[in-house]
Amino acid sequence: MIIYKTRWFNRWARKQGLDNYSLCTAVREMAEGLYEALKKLAIELLSLTSEALEIARQDNEFIEVDCNAEEEISDS
């Protein structure tokens, strides 16, 4: 299997510490359908009550995503 990445993705991956081996492993897993386990996790997480979500957040099991992240992105 040949895997390509864009120049932009390559820069991002380097900054994140994502090496080619890890990228290839992830692509192979997706190609083999192993991402199904993530669908099951999503179903489970979406079924949590507000109270359960709050408890998980307080226990640092969940970390809130800042959707205004573009304000923090630099042009470098």
PDB file of N, CA and C in Angstrom:
ATOM      1  N   MET A   1       0.849  -1.171   0.000  1.00  0.00           N
ATOM      2  CA  MET A   1       0.000   0.000   0.000  1.00  0.00           C
ATOM      3  C   MET A   1       0.894   1.233   0.000  1.00  0.00           C
ATOM      4  N   ILE A   2       0.590   2.168  -0.870  1.00  0.00           N
ATOM      5  CA  ILE A   2       1.323   3.429  -0.913  1.00  0.00           C
ATOM      6  C   ILE A   2       0.520   4.464  -0.146  1.00  0.00           C
ATOM      7  N   ILE A   3       1.182   5.178   0.722  1.00  0.00           N
ATOM      8  CA  ILE A   3       0.541   6.206   1.540  1.00  0.00           C
ATOM      9  C   ILE A   3       1.213   7.533   1.228  1.00  0.00           C
ATOM     10  N   TYR A   4       0.406   8.554   0.959  1.00  0.00           N
ATOM     11  CA  TYR A   4       0.918   9.897   0.698  1.00  0.00           C
ATOM     12  C   TYR A   4       0.438  10.833   1.800  1.00  0.00           C
ATOM     13  N   LYS A   5       1.215  11.871   2.038  1.00  0.00           N
ATOM     14  CA  LYS A   5       0.777  12.917   2.950  1.00  0.00           C
ATOM     15  C   LYS A   5       1.110  14.267   2.335  1.00  0.00           C
ATOM     16  N   THR A   6       0.316  15.258   2.656  1.00  0.00           N
ATOM     17  CA  THR A   6       0.554  16.592   2.114  1.00  0.00           C
ATOM     18  C   THR A   6       1.705  17.259   2.860  1.00  0.00           C
ATOM     19  N   ARG A   7       2.252  18.274   2.273  1.00  0.00           N
ATOM     20  CA  ARG A   7       3.329  19.022   2.915  1.00  0.00           C
ATOM     21  C   ARG A   7       2.829  19.628   4.227  1.00  0.00           C
ATOM     22  N   TRP A   8       1.600  20.164   4.196  1.00  0.00           N
ATOM     23  CA  TRP A   8       1.024  20.744   5.404  1.00  0.00           C
ATOM     24  C   TRP A   8       0.907  19.691   6.502  1.00  0.00           C
ATOM     25  N   PHE A   9       0.375  18.523   6.148  1.00  0.00           N
ATOM     26  CA  PHE A   9       0.222  17.456   7.131  1.00  0.00           C
ATOM     27  C   PHE A   9       1.582  17.017   7.657  1.00  0.00           C
ATOM     28  N   ASN A  10       2.568  16.950   6.794  1.00  0.00           N
ATOM     29  CA  ASN A  10       3.910  16.542   7.203  1.00  0.00           C
ATOM     30  C   ASN A  10       4.477  17.493   8.257  1.00  0.00           C
ATOM     31  N   ARG A  11       4.298  18.807   8.054  1.00  0.00           N
ATOM     32  CA  ARG A  11       4.769  19.783   9.045  1.00  0.00           C
ATOM     33  C   ARG A  11       4.021  19.610  10.360  1.00  0.00           C
ATOM     34  N   TRP A  12       2.699  19.459  10.259  1.00  0.00           N
ATOM     35  CA  TRP A  12       1.893  19.280  11.459  1.00  0.00           C
ATOM     36  C   TRP A  12       2.306  18.012  12.205  1.00  0.00           C
ATOM     37  N   ALA A  13       2.476  16.922  11.476  1.00  0.00           N
ATOM     38  CA  ALA A  13       2.841  15.639  12.084  1.00  0.00           C
ATOM     39  C   ALA A  13       4.185  15.734  12.803  1.00  0.00           C
ATOM     40  N   ARG A  14       5.145  16.400  12.188  1.00  0.00           N
ATOM     41  CA  ARG A  14       6.461  16.564  12.832  1.00  0.00           C
ATOM     42  C   ARG A  14       6.325  17.316  14.145  1.00  0.00           C
ATOM     43  N   LYS A  15       5.554  18.405  14.135  1.00  0.00           N
ATOM     44  CA  LYS A  15       5.366  19.190  15.358  1.00  0.00           C
ATOM     45  C   LYS A  15       4.677  18.371  16.447  1.00  0.00           C
ATOM     46  N   GLN A  16       3.804  17.450  16.039  1.00  0.00           N
ATOM     47  CA  GLN A  16       3.074  16.620  16.994  1.00  0.00           C
ATOM     48  C   GLN A  16       3.854  15.380  17.417  1.00  0.00           C
ATOM     49  N   GLY A  17       4.982  15.130  16.781  1.00  0.00           N
ATOM     50  CA  GLY A  17       5.771  13.945  17.101  1.00  0.00           C
ATOM     51  C   GLY A  17       5.221  12.680  16.475  1.00  0.00           C
ATOM     52  N   LEU A  18       4.419  12.833  15.430  1.00  0.00           N
ATOM     53  CA  LEU A  18       3.831  11.690  14.730  1.00  0.00           C
ATOM     54  C   LEU A  18       4.816  11.220  13.664  1.00  0.00           C
ATOM     55  N   ASP A  19       5.413  10.062  13.891  1.00  0.00           N
ATOM     56  CA  ASP A  19       6.395   9.561  12.930  1.00  0.00           C
ATOM     57  C   ASP A  19       5.719   8.723  11.845  1.00  0.00           C
ATOM     58  N   ASN A  20       6.472   8.401  10.795  1.00  0.00           N
ATOM     59  CA  ASN A  20       5.920   7.639   9.674  1.00  0.00           C
ATOM     60  C   ASN A  20       5.439   6.259  10.093  1.00  0.00           C
ATOM     61  N   TYR A  21       6.132   5.626  11.024  1.00  0.00           N
ATOM     62  CA  TYR A  21       5.722   4.300  11.481  1.00  0.00           C
ATOM     63  C   TYR A  21       4.322   4.360  12.093  1.00  0.00           C
ATOM     64  N   SER A  22       4.090   5.345  12.960  1.00  0.00           N
ATOM     65  CA  SER A  22       2.779   5.487  13.603  1.00  0.00           C
ATOM     66  C   SER A  22       1.703   5.814  12.583  1.00  0.00           C
ATOM     67  N   LEU A  23       2.036   6.660  11.623  1.00  0.00           N
ATOM     68  CA  LEU A  23       1.080   7.002  10.572  1.00  0.00           C
ATOM     69  C   LEU A  23       0.713   5.772   9.756  1.00  0.00           C
ATOM     70  N   CYS A  24       1.709   5.004   9.361  1.00  0.00           N
ATOM     71  CA  CYS A  24       1.455   3.793   8.572  1.00  0.00           C
ATOM     72  C   CYS A  24       0.624   2.786   9.366  1.00  0.00           C
ATOM     73  N   THR A  25       0.902   2.665  10.654  1.00  0.00           N
ATOM     74  CA  THR A  25       0.134   1.757  11.497  1.00  0.00           C
ATOM     75  C   THR A  25      -1.329   2.188  11.548  1.00  0.00           C
ATOM     76  N   ALA A  26      -1.565   3.480  11.718  1.00  0.00           N
ATOM     77  CA  ALA A  26      -2.936   3.988  11.777  1.00  0.00           C
ATOM     78  C   ALA A  26      -3.663   3.763  10.455  1.00  0.00           C
ATOM     79  N   VAL A  27      -2.994   4.003   9.340  1.00  0.00           N
ATOM     80  CA  VAL A  27      -3.622   3.811   8.035  1.00  0.00           C
ATOM     81  C   VAL A  27      -3.949   2.336   7.822  1.00  0.00           C
ATOM     82  N   ARG A  28      -3.028   1.451   8.189  1.00  0.00           N
ATOM     83  CA  ARG A  28      -3.295   0.014   8.052  1.00  0.00           C
ATOM     84  C   ARG A  28      -4.499  -0.408   8.896  1.00  0.00           C
ATOM     85  N   GLU A  29      -4.571   0.104  10.119  1.00  0.00           N
ATOM     86  CA  GLU A  29      -5.698  -0.232  10.991  1.00  0.00           C
ATOM     87  C   GLU A  29      -7.014   0.250  10.392  1.00  0.00           C
ATOM     88  N   MET A  30      -7.019   1.449   9.839  1.00  0.00           N
ATOM     89  CA  MET A  30      -8.239   1.947   9.206  1.00  0.00           C
ATOM     90  C   MET A  30      -8.605   1.098   7.997  1.00  0.00           C
ATOM     91  N   ALA A  31      -7.608   0.723   7.213  1.00  0.00           N
ATOM     92  CA  ALA A  31      -7.860  -0.097   6.029  1.00  0.00           C
ATOM     93  C   ALA A  31      -8.410  -1.471   6.417  1.00  0.00           C
ATOM     94  N   GLU A  32      -7.997  -1.981   7.569  1.00  0.00           N
ATOM     95  CA  GLU A  32      -8.451  -3.289   8.032  1.00  0.00           C
ATOM     96  C   GLU A  32      -9.764  -3.208   8.809  1.00  0.00           C
ATOM     97  N   GLY A  33     -10.304  -1.989   8.947  1.00  0.00           N
ATOM     98  CA  GLY A  33     -11.576  -1.831   9.635  1.00  0.00           C
ATOM     99  C   GLY A  33     -11.475  -1.779  11.142  1.00  0.00           C
ATOM    100  N   LEU A  34     -10.268  -1.613  11.679  1.00  0.00           N
ATOM    101  CA  LEU A  34     -10.099  -1.625  13.130  1.00  0.00           C
ATOM    102  C   LEU A  34     -10.623  -0.355  13.807  1.00  0.00           C
ATOM    103  N   TYR A  35     -11.032   0.618  13.004  1.00  0.00           N
ATOM    104  CA  TYR A  35     -11.581   1.831  13.581  1.00  0.00           C
ATOM    105  C   TYR A  35     -13.008   1.621  14.084  1.00  0.00           C
ATOM    106  N   GLU A  36     -13.566   0.394  13.830  1.00  0.00           N
ATOM    107  CA  GLU A  36     -14.917   0.081  14.312  1.00  0.00           C
ATOM    108  C   GLU A  36     -15.007   0.215  15.817  1.00  0.00           C
ATOM    109  N   ALA A  37     -13.801  -0.181  16.521  1.00  0.00           N
ATOM    110  CA  ALA A  37     -13.799  -0.050  18.000  1.00  0.00           C
ATOM    111  C   ALA A  37     -14.088   1.374  18.424  1.00  0.00           C
ATOM    112  N   LEU A  38     -13.643   2.463  17.544  1.00  0.00           N
ATOM    113  CA  LEU A  38     -13.888   3.863  17.863  1.00  0.00           C
ATOM    114  C   LEU A  38     -15.365   4.204  17.722  1.00  0.00           C
ATOM    115  N   LYS A  39     -16.050   3.567  16.760  1.00  0.00           N
ATOM    116  CA  LYS A  39     -17.486   3.799  16.606  1.00  0.00           C
ATOM    117  C   LYS A  39     -18.224   3.323  17.845  1.00  0.00           C
ATOM    118  N   LYS A  40     -17.820   2.176  18.374  1.00  0.00           N
ATOM    119  CA  LYS A  40     -18.464   1.651  19.586  1.00  0.00           C
ATOM    120  C   LYS A  40     -18.219   2.573  20.772  1.00  0.00           C
ATOM    121  N   LEU A  41     -17.008   3.107  20.859  1.00  0.00           N
ATOM    122  CA  LEU A  41     -16.691   4.031  21.943  1.00  0.00           C
ATOM    123  C   LEU A  41     -17.543   5.294  21.817  1.00  0.00           C
ATOM    124  N   ALA A  42     -17.699   5.805  20.613  1.00  0.00           N
ATOM    125  CA  ALA A  42     -18.510   6.999  20.400  1.00  0.00           C
ATOM    126  C   ALA A  42     -19.955   6.758  20.830  1.00  0.00           C
ATOM    127  N   ILE A  43     -20.501   5.608  20.495  1.00  0.00           N
ATOM    128  CA  ILE A  43     -21.867   5.284  20.897  1.00  0.00           C
ATOM    129  C   ILE A  43     -21.987   5.279  22.417  1.00  0.00           C
ATOM    130  N   GLU A  44     -21.000   4.678  23.076  1.00  0.00           N
ATOM    131  CA  GLU A  44     -21.023   4.626  24.539  1.00  0.00           C
ATOM    132  C   GLU A  44     -20.919   6.022  25.146  1.00  0.00           C
ATOM    133  N   LEU A  45     -20.012   6.832  24.622  1.00  0.00           N
ATOM    134  CA  LEU A  45     -19.824   8.173  25.171  1.00  0.00           C
ATOM    135  C   LEU A  45     -21.051   9.051  24.945  1.00  0.00           C
ATOM    136  N   LEU A  46     -21.679   8.918  23.786  1.00  0.00           N
ATOM    137  CA  LEU A  46     -22.863   9.726  23.491  1.00  0.00           C
ATOM    138  C   LEU A  46     -24.073   9.324  24.337  1.00  0.00           C
ATOM    139  N   SER A  47     -24.021   8.159  24.940  1.00  0.00           N
ATOM    140  CA  SER A  47     -25.137   7.710  25.767  1.00  0.00           C
ATOM    141  C   SER A  47     -25.002   8.147  27.233  1.00  0.00           C
ATOM    142  N   LEU A  48     -23.892   8.775  27.598  1.00  0.00           N
ATOM    143  CA  LEU A  48     -23.690   9.200  28.983  1.00  0.00           C
ATOM    144  C   LEU A  48     -24.634  10.334  29.350  1.00  0.00           C
ATOM    145  N   THR A  49     -25.079  10.342  30.590  1.00  0.00           N
ATOM    146  CA  THR A  49     -25.934  11.419  31.088  1.00  0.00           C
ATOM    147  C   THR A  49     -25.091  12.654  31.386  1.00  0.00           C
ATOM    148  N   SER A  50     -25.748  13.785  31.570  1.00  0.00           N
ATOM    149  CA  SER A  50     -25.049  15.023  31.936  1.00  0.00           C
ATOM    150  C   SER A  50     -24.268  14.845  33.223  1.00  0.00           C
ATOM    151  N   GLU A  51     -24.884  14.143  34.160  1.00  0.00           N
ATOM    152  CA  GLU A  51     -24.225  13.922  35.456  1.00  0.00           C
ATOM    153  C   GLU A  51     -22.974  13.065  35.296  1.00  0.00           C
ATOM    154  N   ALA A  52     -23.067  12.026  34.499  1.00  0.00           N
ATOM    155  CA  ALA A  52     -21.911  11.152  34.268  1.00  0.00           C
ATOM    156  C   ALA A  52     -20.793  11.907  33.559  1.00  0.00           C
ATOM    157  N   LEU A  53     -21.172  12.762  32.607  1.00  0.00           N
ATOM    158  CA  LEU A  53     -20.169  13.575  31.913  1.00  0.00           C
ATOM    159  C   LEU A  53     -19.461  14.526  32.872  1.00  0.00           C
ATOM    160  N   GLU A  54     -20.222  15.145  33.769  1.00  0.00           N
ATOM    161  CA  GLU A  54     -19.639  16.073  34.731  1.00  0.00           C
ATOM    162  C   GLU A  54     -18.684  15.356  35.682  1.00  0.00           C
ATOM    163  N   ILE A  55     -19.066  14.185  36.136  1.00  0.00           N
ATOM    164  CA  ILE A  55     -18.181  13.404  37.019  1.00  0.00           C
ATOM    165  C   ILE A  55     -16.890  13.040  36.293  1.00  0.00           C
ATOM    166  N   ALA A  56     -17.003  12.613  35.047  1.00  0.00           N
ATOM    167  CA  ALA A  56     -15.818  12.259  34.265  1.00  0.00           C
ATOM    168  C   ALA A  56     -14.931  13.475  34.046  1.00  0.00           C
ATOM    169  N   ARG A  57     -15.552  14.638  33.816  1.00  0.00           N
ATOM    170  CA  ARG A  57     -14.774  15.865  33.626  1.00  0.00           C
ATOM    171  C   ARG A  57     -14.035  16.230  34.906  1.00  0.00           C
ATOM    172  N   GLN A  58     -14.716  16.136  36.045  1.00  0.00           N
ATOM    173  CA  GLN A  58     -14.091  16.460  37.328  1.00  0.00           C
ATOM    174  C   GLN A  58     -12.949  15.499  37.658  1.00  0.00           C
ATOM    175  N   ASP A  59     -13.077  14.264  37.205  1.00  0.00           N
ATOM    176  CA  ASP A  59     -12.030  13.264  37.442  1.00  0.00           C
ATOM    177  C   ASP A  59     -10.924  13.320  36.382  1.00  0.00           C
ATOM    178  N   ASN A  60     -10.990  14.329  35.526  1.00  0.00           N
ATOM    179  CA  ASN A  60     -10.019  14.506  34.434  1.00  0.00           C
ATOM    180  C   ASN A  60     -10.003  13.344  33.454  1.00  0.00           C
ATOM    181  N   GLU A  61     -11.125  12.637  33.345  1.00  0.00           N
ATOM    182  CA  GLU A  61     -11.251  11.584  32.338  1.00  0.00           C
ATOM    183  C   GLU A  61     -11.559  12.202  30.982  1.00  0.00           C
ATOM    184  N   PHE A  62     -12.216  13.356  31.010  1.00  0.00           N
ATOM    185  CA  PHE A  62     -12.538  14.094  29.790  1.00  0.00           C
ATOM    186  C   PHE A  62     -11.866  15.455  29.862  1.00  0.00           C
ATOM    187  N   ILE A  63     -11.340  15.886  28.752  1.00  0.00           N
ATOM    188  CA  ILE A  63     -10.701  17.190  28.656  1.00  0.00           C
ATOM    189  C   ILE A  63     -11.471  17.996  27.625  1.00  0.00           C
ATOM    190  N   GLU A  64     -11.935  19.165  28.021  1.00  0.00           N
ATOM    191  CA  GLU A  64     -12.737  19.993  27.127  1.00  0.00           C
ATOM    192  C   GLU A  64     -11.895  20.506  25.972  1.00  0.00           C
ATOM    193  N   VAL A  65     -12.461  20.483  24.784  1.00  0.00           N
ATOM    194  CA  VAL A  65     -11.791  20.975  23.580  1.00  0.00           C
ATOM    195  C   VAL A  65     -12.178  22.424  23.379  1.00  0.00           C
ATOM    196  N   ASP A  66     -11.178  23.293  23.162  1.00  0.00           N
ATOM    197  CA  ASP A  66     -11.420  24.700  22.904  1.00  0.00           C
ATOM    198  C   ASP A  66     -11.715  24.875  21.427  1.00  0.00           C
ATOM    199  N   CYS A  67     -12.975  25.092  21.093  1.00  0.00           N
ATOM    200  CA  CYS A  67     -13.372  25.240  19.690  1.00  0.00           C
ATOM    201  C   CYS A  67     -12.954  26.571  19.087  1.00  0.00           C
ATOM    202  N   ASN A  68     -12.422  27.458  19.890  1.00  0.00           N
ATOM    203  CA  ASN A  68     -11.907  28.736  19.387  1.00  0.00           C
ATOM    204  C   ASN A  68     -10.400  28.646  19.193  1.00  0.00           C
ATOM    205  N   ALA A  69      -9.902  27.461  18.937  1.00  0.00           N
ATOM    206  CA  ALA A  69      -8.464  27.216  18.851  1.00  0.00           C
ATOM    207  C   ALA A  69      -7.811  28.033  17.755  1.00  0.00           C
ATOM    208  N   GLU A  70      -8.565  28.403  16.712  1.00  0.00           N
ATOM    209  CA  GLU A  70      -7.939  29.154  15.630  1.00  0.00           C
ATOM    210  C   GLU A  70      -7.376  30.459  16.128  1.00  0.00           C
ATOM    211  N   GLU A  71      -7.897  30.964  17.234  1.00  0.00           N
ATOM    212  CA  GLU A  71      -7.347  32.180  17.832  1.00  0.00           C
ATOM    213  C   GLU A  71      -5.945  31.949  18.364  1.00  0.00           C
ATOM    214  N   GLU A  72      -5.615  30.687  18.686  1.00  0.00           N
ATOM    215  CA  GLU A  72      -4.312  30.354  19.261  1.00  0.00           C
ATOM    216  C   GLU A  72      -3.306  29.891  18.221  1.00  0.00           C
ATOM    217  N   ILE A  73      -3.729  29.694  17.002  1.00  0.00           N
ATOM    218  CA  ILE A  73      -2.831  29.186  15.966  1.00  0.00           C
ATOM    219  C   ILE A  73      -1.974  30.324  15.433  1.00  0.00           C
ATOM    220  N   SER A  74      -0.671  30.087  15.389  1.00  0.00           N
ATOM    221  CA  SER A  74       0.224  31.112  14.851  1.00  0.00           C
ATOM    222  C   SER A  74       0.442  30.856  13.371  1.00  0.00           C
ATOM    223  N   ASP A  75       0.954  31.834  12.666  1.00  0.00           N
ATOM    224  CA  ASP A  75       1.205  31.727  11.238  1.00  0.00           C
ATOM    225  C   ASP A  75       2.541  31.056  10.920  1.00  0.00           C
ATOM    226  N   SER A  76       3.256  30.638  11.923  1.00  0.00           N
ATOM    227  CA  SER A  76       4.583  30.039  11.676  1.00  0.00           C
ATOM    228  C   SER A  76       4.499  28.628  11.195  1.00  0.00           C
TER     229      SER A  76
END
